Amino acid sequence: MNVELTRFKVKEGKSARVDAWLKFLNDNMEDVLVTLDGEKMYVETIFRELINGEEFLYWYSIKGEGGQEVEESDHWIDKKHLEFWRECIDETYEPVDLITEVVMIPEKVKNSMK
């Protein structure tokens, strides 16, 4: 099981598109959740932060081993998600993987993630 938290920088001037992206994901949650099975994604959460006028998105996930990468998916939700990604995420900024120090998941919950 992989537990990750990664920070990505939003391109300048793309806040409104990020609004639309996050709304799209929330409005299509039923289809979004379908795509998580193939990725072996148990939990995926997106956080948003503004620091000194710069905007960042954080992806928190709990994921099993050997799942499909989103880039390999043919599902329409994943294709749209990647379109937003390419439009909004600043590829010149090196993503920051925060260091996992403690993972607190009760055994009964872990067992249901297999």
PDB file of N, CA and C in Angstrom:
ATOM      1  N   MET A   1       0.848  -1.175   0.000  1.00  0.00           N
ATOM      2  CA  MET A   1       0.000   0.000   0.000  1.00  0.00           C
ATOM      3  C   MET A   1       0.894   1.238   0.000  1.00  0.00           C
ATOM      4  N   ASN A   2       0.565   2.215  -0.842  1.00  0.00           N
ATOM      5  CA  ASN A   2       1.296   3.476  -0.921  1.00  0.00           C
ATOM      6  C   ASN A   2       0.415   4.608  -0.405  1.00  0.00           C
ATOM      7  N   VAL A   3       0.951   5.382   0.519  1.00  0.00           N
ATOM      8  CA  VAL A   3       0.272   6.566   1.031  1.00  0.00           C
ATOM      9  C   VAL A   3       1.115   7.755   0.599  1.00  0.00           C
ATOM     10  N   GLU A   4       0.518   8.658  -0.170  1.00  0.00           N
ATOM     11  CA  GLU A   4       1.283   9.762  -0.751  1.00  0.00           C
ATOM     12  C   GLU A   4       0.558  11.091  -0.608  1.00  0.00           C
ATOM     13  N   LEU A   5       1.364  12.139  -0.525  1.00  0.00           N
ATOM     14  CA  LEU A   5       0.869  13.512  -0.581  1.00  0.00           C
ATOM     15  C   LEU A   5       1.862  14.299  -1.424  1.00  0.00           C
ATOM     16  N   THR A   6       1.392  14.831  -2.541  1.00  0.00           N
ATOM     17  CA  THR A   6       2.262  15.538  -3.479  1.00  0.00           C
ATOM     18  C   THR A   6       1.679  16.908  -3.791  1.00  0.00           C
ATOM     19  N   ARG A   7       2.581  17.908  -3.849  1.00  0.00           N
ATOM     20  CA  ARG A   7       2.183  19.284  -4.163  1.00  0.00           C
ATOM     21  C   ARG A   7       2.546  19.598  -5.606  1.00  0.00           C
ATOM     22  N   PHE A   8       1.578  20.187  -6.330  1.00  0.00           N
ATOM     23  CA  PHE A   8       1.764  20.630  -7.703  1.00  0.00           C
ATOM     24  C   PHE A   8       1.406  22.110  -7.791  1.00  0.00           C
ATOM     25  N   LYS A   9       2.123  22.840  -8.611  1.00  0.00           N
ATOM     26  CA  LYS A   9       1.852  24.271  -8.776  1.00  0.00           C
ATOM     27  C   LYS A   9       0.885  24.482  -9.940  1.00  0.00           C
ATOM     28  N   VAL A  10      -0.070  25.366  -9.715  1.00  0.00           N
ATOM     29  CA  VAL A  10      -1.030  25.741 -10.741  1.00  0.00           C
ATOM     30  C   VAL A  10      -0.412  26.848 -11.592  1.00  0.00           C
ATOM     31  N   LYS A  11      -0.610  26.758 -12.895  1.00  0.00           N
ATOM     32  CA  LYS A  11      -0.124  27.805 -13.794  1.00  0.00           C
ATOM     33  C   LYS A  11      -0.787  29.133 -13.438  1.00  0.00           C
ATOM     34  N   GLU A  12      -0.025  30.194 -13.573  1.00  0.00           N
ATOM     35  CA  GLU A  12      -0.550  31.530 -13.302  1.00  0.00           C
ATOM     36  C   GLU A  12      -1.743  31.813 -14.213  1.00  0.00           C
ATOM     37  N   GLY A  13      -2.794  32.389 -13.635  1.00  0.00           N
ATOM     38  CA  GLY A  13      -3.983  32.750 -14.397  1.00  0.00           C
ATOM     39  C   GLY A  13      -4.950  31.598 -14.642  1.00  0.00           C
ATOM     40  N   LYS A  14      -4.728  30.451 -14.031  1.00  0.00           N
ATOM     41  CA  LYS A  14      -5.579  29.282 -14.274  1.00  0.00           C
ATOM     42  C   LYS A  14      -6.516  28.948 -13.117  1.00  0.00           C
ATOM     43  N   SER A  15      -6.668  29.844 -12.153  1.00  0.00           N
ATOM     44  CA  SER A  15      -7.540  29.570 -11.000  1.00  0.00           C
ATOM     45  C   SER A  15      -8.978  29.267 -11.407  1.00  0.00           C
ATOM     46  N   ALA A  16      -9.492  30.013 -12.360  1.00  0.00           N
ATOM     47  CA  ALA A  16     -10.874  29.781 -12.800  1.00  0.00           C
ATOM     48  C   ALA A  16     -11.010  28.408 -13.452  1.00  0.00           C
ATOM     49  N   ARG A  17      -9.994  27.984 -14.191  1.00  0.00           N
ATOM     50  CA  ARG A  17     -10.030  26.657 -14.800  1.00  0.00           C
ATOM     51  C   ARG A  17      -9.917  25.567 -13.740  1.00  0.00           C
ATOM     52  N   VAL A  18      -9.136  25.835 -12.690  1.00  0.00           N
ATOM     53  CA  VAL A  18      -9.061  24.879 -11.584  1.00  0.00           C
ATOM     54  C   VAL A  18     -10.432  24.774 -10.918  1.00  0.00           C
ATOM     55  N   ASP A  19     -11.112  25.908 -10.742  1.00  0.00           N
ATOM     56  CA  ASP A  19     -12.483  25.887 -10.212  1.00  0.00           C
ATOM     57  C   ASP A  19     -13.352  24.948 -11.054  1.00  0.00           C
ATOM     58  N   ALA A  20     -13.261  25.101 -12.376  1.00  0.00           N
ATOM     59  CA  ALA A  20     -14.066  24.281 -13.287  1.00  0.00           C
ATOM     60  C   ALA A  20     -13.659  22.811 -13.197  1.00  0.00           C
ATOM     61  N   TRP A  21     -12.365  22.552 -13.067  1.00  0.00           N
ATOM     62  CA  TRP A  21     -11.840  21.184 -12.969  1.00  0.00           C
ATOM     63  C   TRP A  21     -12.380  20.483 -11.721  1.00  0.00           C
ATOM     64  N   LEU A  22     -12.265  21.149 -10.589  1.00  0.00           N
ATOM     65  CA  LEU A  22     -12.715  20.549  -9.333  1.00  0.00           C
ATOM     66  C   LEU A  22     -14.234  20.378  -9.318  1.00  0.00           C
ATOM     67  N   LYS A  23     -14.942  21.337  -9.902  1.00  0.00           N
ATOM     68  CA  LYS A  23     -16.402  21.220 -10.025  1.00  0.00           C
ATOM     69  C   LYS A  23     -16.750  20.024 -10.919  1.00  0.00           C
ATOM     70  N   PHE A  24     -16.027  19.877 -12.019  1.00  0.00           N
ATOM     71  CA  PHE A  24     -16.234  18.752 -12.925  1.00  0.00           C
ATOM     72  C   PHE A  24     -16.086  17.422 -12.184  1.00  0.00           C
ATOM     73  N   LEU A  25     -15.013  17.302 -11.399  1.00  0.00           N
ATOM     74  CA  LEU A  25     -14.798  16.062 -10.651  1.00  0.00           C
ATOM     75  C   LEU A  25     -15.924  15.823  -9.649  1.00  0.00           C
ATOM     76  N   ASN A  26     -16.309  16.858  -8.917  1.00  0.00           N
ATOM     77  CA  ASN A  26     -17.396  16.718  -7.942  1.00  0.00           C
ATOM     78  C   ASN A  26     -18.733  16.408  -8.612  1.00  0.00           C
ATOM     79  N   ASP A  27     -18.994  17.050  -9.742  1.00  0.00           N
ATOM     80  CA  ASP A  27     -20.271  16.841 -10.442  1.00  0.00           C
ATOM     81  C   ASP A  27     -20.370  15.464 -11.096  1.00  0.00           C
ATOM     82  N   ASN A  28     -19.233  14.833 -11.343  1.00  0.00           N
ATOM     83  CA  ASN A  28     -19.203  13.534 -12.015  1.00  0.00           C
ATOM     84  C   ASN A  28     -18.630  12.446 -11.108  1.00  0.00           C
ATOM     85  N   MET A  29     -18.859  12.586  -9.822  1.00  0.00           N
ATOM     86  CA  MET A  29     -18.234  11.699  -8.840  1.00  0.00           C
ATOM     87  C   MET A  29     -18.558  10.227  -9.074  1.00  0.00           C
ATOM     88  N   GLU A  30     -19.760   9.913  -9.511  1.00  0.00           N
ATOM     89  CA  GLU A  30     -20.109   8.508  -9.745  1.00  0.00           C
ATOM     90  C   GLU A  30     -19.149   7.884 -10.769  1.00  0.00           C
ATOM     91  N   ASP A  31     -18.888   8.586 -11.862  1.00  0.00           N
ATOM     92  CA  ASP A  31     -17.961   8.081 -12.877  1.00  0.00           C
ATOM     93  C   ASP A  31     -16.514   8.137 -12.394  1.00  0.00           C
ATOM     94  N   VAL A  32     -16.175   9.171 -11.634  1.00  0.00           N
ATOM     95  CA  VAL A  32     -14.824   9.274 -11.069  1.00  0.00           C
ATOM     96  C   VAL A  32     -14.528   8.044 -10.215  1.00  0.00           C
ATOM     97  N   LEU A  33     -15.462   7.677  -9.364  1.00  0.00           N
ATOM     98  CA  LEU A  33     -15.250   6.546  -8.461  1.00  0.00           C
ATOM     99  C   LEU A  33     -15.071   5.236  -9.225  1.00  0.00           C
ATOM    100  N   VAL A  34     -15.729   5.098 -10.365  1.00  0.00           N
ATOM    101  CA  VAL A  34     -15.583   3.892 -11.185  1.00  0.00           C
ATOM    102  C   VAL A  34     -14.129   3.737 -11.637  1.00  0.00           C
ATOM    103  N   THR A  35     -13.473   4.839 -11.973  1.00  0.00           N
ATOM    104  CA  THR A  35     -12.104   4.766 -12.492  1.00  0.00           C
ATOM    105  C   THR A  35     -11.089   4.383 -11.417  1.00  0.00           C
ATOM    106  N   LEU A  36     -11.429   4.598 -10.159  1.00  0.00           N
ATOM    107  CA  LEU A  36     -10.479   4.321  -9.080  1.00  0.00           C
ATOM    108  C   LEU A  36     -10.184   2.832  -8.914  1.00  0.00           C
ATOM    109  N   ASP A  37     -11.145   1.983  -9.230  1.00  0.00           N
ATOM    110  CA  ASP A  37     -10.937   0.534  -9.089  1.00  0.00           C
ATOM    111  C   ASP A  37      -9.735   0.055  -9.897  1.00  0.00           C
ATOM    112  N   GLY A  38      -9.676   0.435 -11.166  1.00  0.00           N
ATOM    113  CA  GLY A  38      -8.577  -0.003 -12.028  1.00  0.00           C
ATOM    114  C   GLY A  38      -7.222   0.523 -11.573  1.00  0.00           C
ATOM    115  N   GLU A  39      -7.235   1.663 -10.909  1.00  0.00           N
ATOM    116  CA  GLU A  39      -5.995   2.259 -10.406  1.00  0.00           C
ATOM    117  C   GLU A  39      -5.584   1.673  -9.054  1.00  0.00           C
ATOM    118  N   LYS A  40      -6.456   0.841  -8.487  1.00  0.00           N
ATOM    119  CA  LYS A  40      -6.277   0.333  -7.121  1.00  0.00           C
ATOM    120  C   LYS A  40      -6.125   1.508  -6.147  1.00  0.00           C
ATOM    121  N   MET A  41      -6.915   2.533  -6.402  1.00  0.00           N
ATOM    122  CA  MET A  41      -6.910   3.745  -5.595  1.00  0.00           C
ATOM    123  C   MET A  41      -8.012   3.614  -4.547  1.00  0.00           C
ATOM    124  N   TYR A  42      -7.619   3.544  -3.281  1.00  0.00           N
ATOM    125  CA  TYR A  42      -8.585   3.392  -2.197  1.00  0.00           C
ATOM    126  C   TYR A  42      -9.110   4.738  -1.735  1.00  0.00           C
ATOM    127  N   VAL A  43      -8.225   5.735  -1.695  1.00  0.00           N
ATOM    128  CA  VAL A  43      -8.592   7.095  -1.282  1.00  0.00           C
ATOM    129  C   VAL A  43      -7.820   8.059  -2.168  1.00  0.00           C
ATOM    130  N   GLU A  44      -8.503   9.053  -2.702  1.00  0.00           N
ATOM    131  CA  GLU A  44      -7.824  10.123  -3.434  1.00  0.00           C
ATOM    132  C   GLU A  44      -8.521  11.421  -3.065  1.00  0.00           C
ATOM    133  N   THR A  45      -7.746  12.369  -2.616  1.00  0.00           N
ATOM    134  CA  THR A  45      -8.283  13.649  -2.165  1.00  0.00           C
ATOM    135  C   THR A  45      -7.429  14.759  -2.741  1.00  0.00           C
ATOM    136  N   ILE A  46      -8.067  15.829  -3.193  1.00  0.00           N
ATOM    137  CA  ILE A  46      -7.342  16.982  -3.720  1.00  0.00           C
ATOM    138  C   ILE A  46      -7.551  18.150  -2.765  1.00  0.00           C
ATOM    139  N   PHE A  47      -6.438  18.756  -2.361  1.00  0.00           N
ATOM    140  CA  PHE A  47      -6.463  19.950  -1.520  1.00  0.00           C
ATOM    141  C   PHE A  47      -5.954  21.123  -2.352  1.00  0.00           C
ATOM    142  N   ARG A  48      -6.333  22.315  -1.943  1.00  0.00           N
ATOM    143  CA  ARG A  48      -5.949  23.530  -2.664  1.00  0.00           C
ATOM    144  C   ARG A  48      -5.394  24.530  -1.667  1.00  0.00           C
ATOM    145  N   GLU A  49      -4.322  25.237  -2.071  1.00  0.00           N
ATOM    146  CA  GLU A  49      -3.710  26.212  -1.173  1.00  0.00           C
ATOM    147  C   GLU A  49      -3.178  27.391  -1.980  1.00  0.00           C
ATOM    148  N   LEU A  50      -3.265  28.572  -1.392  1.00  0.00           N
ATOM    149  CA  LEU A  50      -2.706  29.789  -1.962  1.00  0.00           C
ATOM    150  C   LEU A  50      -1.617  30.279  -1.012  1.00  0.00           C
ATOM    151  N   ILE A  51      -0.376  30.373  -1.511  1.00  0.00           N
ATOM    152  CA  ILE A  51       0.757  30.829  -0.706  1.00  0.00           C
ATOM    153  C   ILE A  51       1.420  31.987  -1.434  1.00  0.00           C
ATOM    154  N   ASN A  52       1.414  33.162  -0.795  1.00  0.00           N
ATOM    155  CA  ASN A  52       2.058  34.344  -1.383  1.00  0.00           C
ATOM    156  C   ASN A  52       1.649  34.573  -2.836  1.00  0.00           C
ATOM    157  N   GLY A  53       0.368  34.413  -3.104  1.00  0.00           N
ATOM    158  CA  GLY A  53      -0.158  34.661  -4.441  1.00  0.00           C
ATOM    159  C   GLY A  53       0.030  33.523  -5.427  1.00  0.00           C
ATOM    160  N   GLU A  54       0.676  32.430  -5.006  1.00  0.00           N
ATOM    161  CA  GLU A  54       0.843  31.271  -5.885  1.00  0.00           C
ATOM    162  C   GLU A  54      -0.105  30.171  -5.436  1.00  0.00           C
ATOM    163  N   GLU A  55      -0.694  29.515  -6.415  1.00  0.00           N
ATOM    164  CA  GLU A  55      -1.697  28.489  -6.108  1.00  0.00           C
ATOM    165  C   GLU A  55      -1.108  27.095  -6.287  1.00  0.00           C
ATOM    166  N   PHE A  56      -1.477  26.210  -5.362  1.00  0.00           N
ATOM    167  CA  PHE A  56      -0.993  24.840  -5.384  1.00  0.00           C
ATOM    168  C   PHE A  56      -2.158  23.881  -5.183  1.00  0.00           C
ATOM    169  N   LEU A  57      -2.044  22.716  -5.803  1.00  0.00           N
ATOM    170  CA  LEU A  57      -2.958  21.612  -5.558  1.00  0.00           C
ATOM    171  C   LEU A  57      -2.142  20.482  -4.953  1.00  0.00           C
ATOM    172  N   TYR A  58      -2.729  19.807  -3.982  1.00  0.00           N
ATOM    173  CA  TYR A  58      -2.097  18.672  -3.313  1.00  0.00           C
ATOM    174  C   TYR A  58      -2.947  17.439  -3.562  1.00  0.00           C
ATOM    175  N   TRP A  59      -2.308  16.361  -3.960  1.00  0.00           N
ATOM    176  CA  TRP A  59      -2.992  15.090  -4.118  1.00  0.00           C
ATOM    177  C   TRP A  59      -2.586  14.188  -2.969  1.00  0.00           C
ATOM    178  N   TYR A  60      -3.581  13.747  -2.207  1.00  0.00           N
ATOM    179  CA  TYR A  60      -3.370  12.774  -1.134  1.00  0.00           C
ATOM    180  C   TYR A  60      -3.999  11.478  -1.606  1.00  0.00           C
ATOM    181  N   SER A  61      -3.259  10.386  -1.495  1.00  0.00           N
ATOM    182  CA  SER A  61      -3.829   9.122  -1.938  1.00  0.00           C
ATOM    183  C   SER A  61      -3.349   7.954  -1.099  1.00  0.00           C
ATOM    184  N   ILE A  62      -4.201   6.963  -1.042  1.00  0.00           N
ATOM    185  CA  ILE A  62      -3.868   5.649  -0.509  1.00  0.00           C
ATOM    186  C   ILE A  62      -4.174   4.692  -1.640  1.00  0.00           C
ATOM    187  N   LYS A  63      -3.130   3.981  -2.073  1.00  0.00           N
ATOM    188  CA  LYS A  63      -3.214   3.219  -3.304  1.00  0.00           C
ATOM    189  C   LYS A  63      -2.564   1.857  -3.129  1.00  0.00           C
ATOM    190  N   GLY A  64      -3.155   0.858  -3.749  1.00  0.00           N
ATOM    191  CA  GLY A  64      -2.570  -0.476  -3.751  1.00  0.00           C
ATOM    192  C   GLY A  64      -1.479  -0.596  -4.799  1.00  0.00           C
ATOM    193  N   GLU A  65      -0.788  -1.699  -4.774  1.00  0.00           N
ATOM    194  CA  GLU A  65       0.289  -1.967  -5.734  1.00  0.00           C
ATOM    195  C   GLU A  65      -0.269  -2.452  -7.063  1.00  0.00           C
ATOM    196  N   GLY A  66       0.377  -2.047  -8.148  1.00  0.00           N
ATOM    197  CA  GLY A  66       0.079  -2.606  -9.464  1.00  0.00           C
ATOM    198  C   GLY A  66      -1.162  -2.082 -10.156  1.00  0.00           C
ATOM    199  N   GLY A  67      -1.679  -0.951  -9.725  1.00  0.00           N
ATOM    200  CA  GLY A  67      -2.858  -0.394 -10.381  1.00  0.00           C
ATOM    201  C   GLY A  67      -2.514   0.276 -11.701  1.00  0.00           C
ATOM    202  N   GLN A  68      -3.527   0.483 -12.505  1.00  0.00           N
ATOM    203  CA  GLN A  68      -3.379   1.154 -13.785  1.00  0.00           C
ATOM    204  C   GLN A  68      -3.090   2.643 -13.557  1.00  0.00           C
ATOM    205  N   GLU A  69      -2.186   3.204 -14.342  1.00  0.00           N
ATOM    206  CA  GLU A  69      -1.922   4.640 -14.281  1.00  0.00           C
ATOM    207  C   GLU A  69      -3.041   5.379 -15.009  1.00  0.00           C
ATOM    208  N   VAL A  70      -3.374   6.561 -14.532  1.00  0.00           N
ATOM    209  CA  VAL A  70      -4.467   7.329 -15.131  1.00  0.00           C
ATOM    210  C   VAL A  70      -4.188   7.602 -16.613  1.00  0.00           C
ATOM    211  N   GLU A  71      -2.931   7.763 -16.981  1.00  0.00           N
ATOM    212  CA  GLU A  71      -2.568   8.025 -18.376  1.00  0.00           C
ATOM    213  C   GLU A  71      -2.881   6.835 -19.287  1.00  0.00           C
ATOM    214  N   GLU A  72      -3.026   5.647 -18.725  1.00  0.00           N
ATOM    215  CA  GLU A  72      -3.309   4.436 -19.502  1.00  0.00           C
ATOM    216  C   GLU A  72      -4.808   4.182 -19.671  1.00  0.00           C
ATOM    217  N   SER A  73      -5.621   4.941 -18.984  1.00  0.00           N
ATOM    218  CA  SER A  73      -7.067   4.713 -18.976  1.00  0.00           C
ATOM    219  C   SER A  73      -7.729   5.218 -20.261  1.00  0.00           C
ATOM    220  N   ASP A  74      -8.749   4.484 -20.703  1.00  0.00           N
ATOM    221  CA  ASP A  74      -9.568   4.905 -21.840  1.00  0.00           C
ATOM    222  C   ASP A  74     -10.879   5.538 -21.383  1.00  0.00           C
ATOM    223  N   HIS A  75     -11.101   5.614 -20.084  1.00  0.00           N
ATOM    224  CA  HIS A  75     -12.361   6.150 -19.561  1.00  0.00           C
ATOM    225  C   HIS A  75     -12.451   7.650 -19.853  1.00  0.00           C
ATOM    226  N   TRP A  76     -13.628   8.099 -20.252  1.00  0.00           N
ATOM    227  CA  TRP A  76     -13.802   9.504 -20.622  1.00  0.00           C
ATOM    228  C   TRP A  76     -13.481  10.460 -19.477  1.00  0.00           C
ATOM    229  N   ILE A  77     -13.762  10.062 -18.239  1.00  0.00           N
ATOM    230  CA  ILE A  77     -13.469  10.918 -17.083  1.00  0.00           C
ATOM    231  C   ILE A  77     -11.965  11.145 -16.979  1.00  0.00           C
ATOM    232  N   ASP A  78     -11.188  10.090 -17.126  1.00  0.00           N
ATOM    233  CA  ASP A  78      -9.739  10.215 -17.020  1.00  0.00           C
ATOM    234  C   ASP A  78      -9.170  11.066 -18.150  1.00  0.00           C
ATOM    235  N   LYS A  79      -9.716  10.929 -19.340  1.00  0.00           N
ATOM    236  CA  LYS A  79      -9.258  11.742 -20.469  1.00  0.00           C
ATOM    237  C   LYS A  79      -9.515  13.232 -20.195  1.00  0.00           C
ATOM    238  N   LYS A  80     -10.700  13.546 -19.679  1.00  0.00           N
ATOM    239  CA  LYS A  80     -11.044  14.938 -19.365  1.00  0.00           C
ATOM    240  C   LYS A  80     -10.174  15.446 -18.213  1.00  0.00           C
ATOM    241  N   HIS A  81      -9.978  14.597 -17.203  1.00  0.00           N
ATOM    242  CA  HIS A  81      -9.132  14.942 -16.058  1.00  0.00           C
ATOM    243  C   HIS A  81      -7.717  15.313 -16.539  1.00  0.00           C
ATOM    244  N   LEU A  82      -7.159  14.547 -17.459  1.00  0.00           N
ATOM    245  CA  LEU A  82      -5.824  14.818 -17.986  1.00  0.00           C
ATOM    246  C   LEU A  82      -5.790  16.083 -18.839  1.00  0.00           C
ATOM    247  N   GLU A  83      -6.883  16.381 -19.537  1.00  0.00           N
ATOM    248  CA  GLU A  83      -6.960  17.650 -20.286  1.00  0.00           C
ATOM    249  C   GLU A  83      -6.837  18.835 -19.325  1.00  0.00           C
ATOM    250  N   PHE A  84      -7.604  18.797 -18.243  1.00  0.00           N
ATOM    251  CA  PHE A  84      -7.513  19.853 -17.233  1.00  0.00           C
ATOM    252  C   PHE A  84      -6.096  19.912 -16.666  1.00  0.00           C
ATOM    253  N   TRP A  85      -5.532  18.748 -16.374  1.00  0.00           N
ATOM    254  CA  TRP A  85      -4.178  18.676 -15.805  1.00  0.00           C
ATOM    255  C   TRP A  85      -3.189  19.418 -16.704  1.00  0.00           C
ATOM    256  N   ARG A  86      -3.177  19.063 -17.995  1.00  0.00           N
ATOM    257  CA  ARG A  86      -2.230  19.677 -18.932  1.00  0.00           C
ATOM    258  C   ARG A  86      -2.449  21.185 -19.038  1.00  0.00           C
ATOM    259  N   GLU A  87      -3.688  21.599 -18.925  1.00  0.00           N
ATOM    260  CA  GLU A  87      -3.994  23.025 -19.024  1.00  0.00           C
ATOM    261  C   GLU A  87      -3.611  23.790 -17.760  1.00  0.00           C
ATOM    262  N   CYS A  88      -3.731  23.177 -16.594  1.00  0.00           N
ATOM    263  CA  CYS A  88      -3.643  23.911 -15.332  1.00  0.00           C
ATOM    264  C   CYS A  88      -2.368  23.698 -14.524  1.00  0.00           C
ATOM    265  N   ILE A  89      -1.712  22.561 -14.659  1.00  0.00           N
ATOM    266  CA  ILE A  89      -0.553  22.265 -13.810  1.00  0.00           C
ATOM    267  C   ILE A  89       0.731  22.759 -14.470  1.00  0.00           C
ATOM    268  N   ASP A  90       1.529  23.498 -13.711  1.00  0.00           N
ATOM    269  CA  ASP A  90       2.793  24.058 -14.181  1.00  0.00           C
ATOM    270  C   ASP A  90       3.854  22.965 -14.193  1.00  0.00           C
ATOM    271  N   GLU A  91       4.179  22.489 -15.380  1.00  0.00           N
ATOM    272  CA  GLU A  91       5.147  21.393 -15.529  1.00  0.00           C
ATOM    273  C   GLU A  91       6.585  21.860 -15.274  1.00  0.00           C
ATOM    274  N   THR A  92       6.819  23.175 -15.217  1.00  0.00           N
ATOM    275  CA  THR A  92       8.174  23.658 -14.935  1.00  0.00           C
ATOM    276  C   THR A  92       8.488  23.619 -13.445  1.00  0.00           C
ATOM    277  N   TYR A  93       7.466  23.461 -12.623  1.00  0.00           N
ATOM    278  CA  TYR A  93       7.636  23.363 -11.166  1.00  0.00           C
ATOM    279  C   TYR A  93       7.787  21.888 -10.807  1.00  0.00           C
ATOM    280  N   GLU A  94       8.853  21.551 -10.132  1.00  0.00           N
ATOM    281  CA  GLU A  94       9.089  20.166  -9.713  1.00  0.00           C
ATOM    282  C   GLU A  94       8.089  19.795  -8.619  1.00  0.00           C
ATOM    283  N   PRO A  95       7.241  18.779  -8.852  1.00  0.00           N
ATOM    284  CA  PRO A  95       6.294  18.370  -7.810  1.00  0.00           C
ATOM    285  C   PRO A  95       7.037  18.004  -6.527  1.00  0.00           C
ATOM    286  N   VAL A  96       6.405  18.271  -5.404  1.00  0.00           N
ATOM    287  CA  VAL A  96       7.019  17.987  -4.115  1.00  0.00           C
ATOM    288  C   VAL A  96       6.264  16.845  -3.451  1.00  0.00           C
ATOM    289  N   ASP A  97       6.977  15.735  -3.244  1.00  0.00           N
ATOM    290  CA  ASP A  97       6.408  14.605  -2.510  1.00  0.00           C
ATOM    291  C   ASP A  97       6.724  14.805  -1.038  1.00  0.00           C
ATOM    292  N   LEU A  98       5.690  14.993  -0.241  1.00  0.00           N
ATOM    293  CA  LEU A  98       5.906  15.135   1.189  1.00  0.00           C
ATOM    294  C   LEU A  98       6.252  13.771   1.769  1.00  0.00           C
ATOM    295  N   ILE A  99       6.994  13.765   2.841  1.00  0.00           N
ATOM    296  CA  ILE A  99       7.476  12.515   3.430  1.00  0.00           C
ATOM    297  C   ILE A  99       6.432  11.942   4.373  1.00  0.00           C
ATOM    298  N   THR A 100       6.075  10.703   4.123  1.00  0.00           N
ATOM    299  CA  THR A 100       5.131   9.997   4.992  1.00  0.00           C
ATOM    300  C   THR A 100       5.872   9.561   6.249  1.00  0.00           C
ATOM    301  N   GLU A 101       5.407   9.996   7.395  1.00  0.00           N
ATOM    302  CA  GLU A 101       6.053   9.671   8.661  1.00  0.00           C
ATOM    303  C   GLU A 101       5.256   8.648   9.475  1.00  0.00           C
ATOM    304  N   VAL A 102       3.947   8.788   9.474  1.00  0.00           N
ATOM    305  CA  VAL A 102       3.094   7.886  10.255  1.00  0.00           C
ATOM    306  C   VAL A 102       1.829   7.625   9.447  1.00  0.00           C
ATOM    307  N   VAL A 103       1.442   6.369   9.362  1.00  0.00           N
ATOM    308  CA  VAL A 103       0.188   5.998   8.711  1.00  0.00           C
ATOM    309  C   VAL A 103      -0.686   5.322   9.755  1.00  0.00           C
ATOM    310  N   MET A 104      -1.838   5.897   9.994  1.00  0.00           N
ATOM    311  CA  MET A 104      -2.754   5.367  11.006  1.00  0.00           C
ATOM    312  C   MET A 104      -4.028   4.896  10.324  1.00  0.00           C
ATOM    313  N   ILE A 105      -4.069   3.608  10.039  1.00  0.00           N
ATOM    314  CA  ILE A 105      -5.240   2.993   9.421  1.00  0.00           C
ATOM    315  C   ILE A 105      -5.567   1.751  10.236  1.00  0.00           C
ATOM    316  N   PRO A 106      -6.753   1.704  10.819  1.00  0.00           N
ATOM    317  CA  PRO A 106      -7.127   0.517  11.586  1.00  0.00           C
ATOM    318  C   PRO A 106      -7.063  -0.745  10.721  1.00  0.00           C
ATOM    319  N   GLU A 107      -6.709  -1.834  11.341  1.00  0.00           N
ATOM    320  CA  GLU A 107      -6.544  -3.110  10.648  1.00  0.00           C
ATOM    321  C   GLU A 107      -7.792  -3.499   9.868  1.00  0.00           C
ATOM    322  N   LYS A 108      -8.984  -3.275  10.433  1.00  0.00           N
ATOM    323  CA  LYS A 108     -10.209  -3.657   9.723  1.00  0.00           C
ATOM    324  C   LYS A 108     -10.393  -2.846   8.435  1.00  0.00           C
ATOM    325  N   VAL A 109      -9.917  -1.597   8.447  1.00  0.00           N
ATOM    326  CA  VAL A 109      -9.993  -0.782   7.233  1.00  0.00           C
ATOM    327  C   VAL A 109      -8.932  -1.254   6.239  1.00  0.00           C
ATOM    328  N   LYS A 110      -7.716  -1.510   6.694  1.00  0.00           N
ATOM    329  CA  LYS A 110      -6.650  -2.040   5.824  1.00  0.00           C
ATOM    330  C   LYS A 110      -7.102  -3.327   5.146  1.00  0.00           C
ATOM    331  N   ASN A 111      -7.723  -4.209   5.905  1.00  0.00           N
ATOM    332  CA  ASN A 111      -8.164  -5.484   5.357  1.00  0.00           C
ATOM    333  C   ASN A 111      -9.188  -5.321   4.246  1.00  0.00           C
ATOM    334  N   SER A 112      -9.981  -4.264   4.326  1.00  0.00           N
ATOM    335  CA  SER A 112     -10.986  -4.033   3.281  1.00  0.00           C
ATOM    336  C   SER A 112     -10.360  -3.398   2.038  1.00  0.00           C
ATOM    337  N   MET A 113      -9.087  -3.013   2.126  1.00  0.00           N
ATOM    338  CA  MET A 113      -8.396  -2.387   0.996  1.00  0.00           C
ATOM    339  C   MET A 113      -7.599  -3.402   0.189  1.00  0.00           C
ATOM    340  N   LYS A 114      -7.841  -4.649   0.383  1.00  0.00           N
ATOM    341  CA  LYS A 114      -7.076  -5.668  -0.354  1.00  0.00           C
ATOM    342  C   LYS A 114      -7.849  -6.239  -1.482  1.00  0.00           C
TER     343      LYS A 114
END
